[in-house]
Protein backbone atom coordinates (compact mmCIF):
# COMPACT_ATOMS: atom_id res chain seq x y z
CA MET A 1 20.66 -13.85 -18.38
CA ARG A 2 20.24 -15.96 -21.51
CA ARG A 3 22.42 -18.74 -20.06
CA TRP A 4 20.45 -18.72 -16.84
CA LEU A 5 17.18 -18.99 -18.78
CA GLU A 6 18.52 -21.78 -20.99
CA ARG A 7 19.60 -23.81 -17.93
CA SER A 8 16.24 -23.61 -16.19
CA ASP A 9 14.49 -26.97 -15.82
CA THR A 10 11.08 -25.39 -15.32
CA PRO A 11 9.06 -22.93 -17.39
CA LEU A 12 9.69 -19.33 -16.41
CA LEU A 13 7.66 -16.17 -16.62
CA VAL A 14 9.65 -12.97 -17.04
CA THR A 15 7.81 -9.70 -16.52
CA ILE A 16 9.22 -6.30 -17.34
CA THR A 17 7.56 -3.24 -15.82
CA ASP A 18 8.41 0.39 -15.21
CA TRP A 19 10.57 0.82 -12.12
CA LYS A 20 9.14 2.98 -9.36
CA PRO A 21 11.06 3.92 -6.23
CA PRO A 22 9.96 1.70 -3.34
CA SER A 23 8.33 3.15 -0.26
CA THR A 24 10.57 3.91 2.70
CA ASN A 25 10.48 2.31 6.13
CA SER A 26 9.65 5.69 7.67
CA GLN A 27 6.65 6.02 5.34
CA LYS A 28 5.46 2.55 6.30
CA ALA A 29 5.83 3.28 10.02
CA LYS A 30 4.00 6.58 9.63
CA ILE A 31 1.02 5.17 7.72
CA HIS A 32 0.56 2.29 10.16
CA ALA A 33 0.61 4.67 13.13
CA MET A 34 -1.86 6.97 11.36
CA ILE A 35 -4.17 4.07 10.50
CA ASP A 36 -4.12 2.76 14.09
CA GLU A 37 -4.89 6.19 15.50
CA LEU A 38 -7.64 7.03 13.01
CA ALA A 39 -9.25 3.61 13.44
CA ALA A 40 -9.38 4.02 17.22
CA ALA A 41 -10.88 7.50 16.88
CA VAL A 42 -13.70 6.47 14.52
CA GLY A 43 -14.49 3.01 15.92
CA TYR A 44 -12.95 0.65 13.38
CA THR A 45 -10.27 -1.97 13.80
CA SER A 46 -6.92 -1.14 12.24
CA GLY A 47 -7.51 -3.83 9.61
CA GLU A 48 -10.90 -2.40 8.68
CA MET A 49 -9.51 1.14 8.46
CA LYS A 50 -6.59 -0.02 6.34
CA GLN A 51 -8.95 -1.76 3.92
CA ILE A 52 -11.20 1.30 3.68
CA LEU A 53 -8.23 3.54 2.90
CA LYS A 54 -6.75 1.11 0.37
CA ASP A 55 -10.12 0.81 -1.38
CA GLU A 56 -10.48 4.58 -1.57
CA VAL A 57 -6.96 5.14 -2.92
CA GLY A 58 -7.32 2.25 -5.34
CA ALA A 59 -3.85 0.67 -5.38
CA TYR A 60 -4.58 -2.72 -6.89
CA PHE A 61 -2.80 -5.44 -8.82
CA THR A 62 -4.09 -8.24 -11.01
CA ASP A 63 -3.05 -11.71 -9.88
CA ARG A 64 -2.17 -14.57 -12.21
CA LYS A 65 -5.78 -15.72 -12.33
CA GLY A 66 -6.92 -12.28 -13.45
CA ASN A 67 -8.44 -11.28 -10.12
CA ARG A 68 -8.11 -7.66 -9.02
CA ARG A 69 -6.68 -7.49 -5.49
CA PRO A 70 -5.61 -4.64 -3.21
CA LYS A 71 -1.85 -4.24 -2.96
CA SER A 72 -0.11 -4.81 0.33
CA ILE A 73 1.19 -1.56 1.80
CA ALA A 74 4.61 -3.21 1.85
CA ASP A 75 4.45 -3.32 -1.97
CA TYR A 76 3.41 0.32 -2.50
CA SER A 77 5.75 2.56 -4.41
CA LYS A 78 7.02 5.71 -2.72
CA GLN A 79 4.42 7.78 -4.61
CA GLU A 80 1.56 5.38 -3.86
CA LEU A 81 2.34 5.49 -0.16
CA SER A 82 2.64 9.29 -0.24
CA ASP A 83 -0.82 9.39 -1.82
CA LEU A 84 -2.19 7.08 0.88
CA ILE A 85 -0.67 9.23 3.64
CA GLU A 86 -2.18 12.39 2.13
CA HIS A 87 -5.56 10.69 1.76
CA THR A 88 -5.42 9.57 5.40
CA TYR A 89 -4.71 13.17 6.50
CA ARG A 90 -7.76 14.36 4.52
CA LEU A 91 -10.04 11.63 5.83
CA ALA A 92 -8.96 12.33 9.42
CA ALA A 93 -9.56 16.07 8.97
CA GLU A 94 -13.02 15.42 7.50
CA ALA A 95 -13.82 13.25 10.54
CA GLY A 96 -12.54 15.94 12.91
CA VAL A 97 -9.65 13.77 14.08
CA LEU A 98 -6.28 15.35 14.87
CA LEU A 99 -3.66 12.69 14.27
CA GLU A 100 -0.97 12.86 16.94
CA SER A 101 1.12 10.36 14.95
CA ALA A 102 1.27 12.83 12.05
CA ALA A 103 3.32 15.34 14.02
């Protein structure tokens, strides 16, 4: 790695963070189906419902300018997406919505 860094012609930023298992494709498919179904049942667009859920779960990152932004679902860890799925189940239940996609 040192040689690669020494040969770089441009400044580099190297970030080291704790590794978390990435979400799975089946998790991503499930949450998107759940969001679409819940949104239709309560009168929101899928985009609006997704934003509401992401805000409530609070999975954010700080960009290079220091702005706090919601993470893309594609970037959620396995645990973060599990938490979002569970939260979506709870929200649907509270709204009296039975999610067919959850079966």
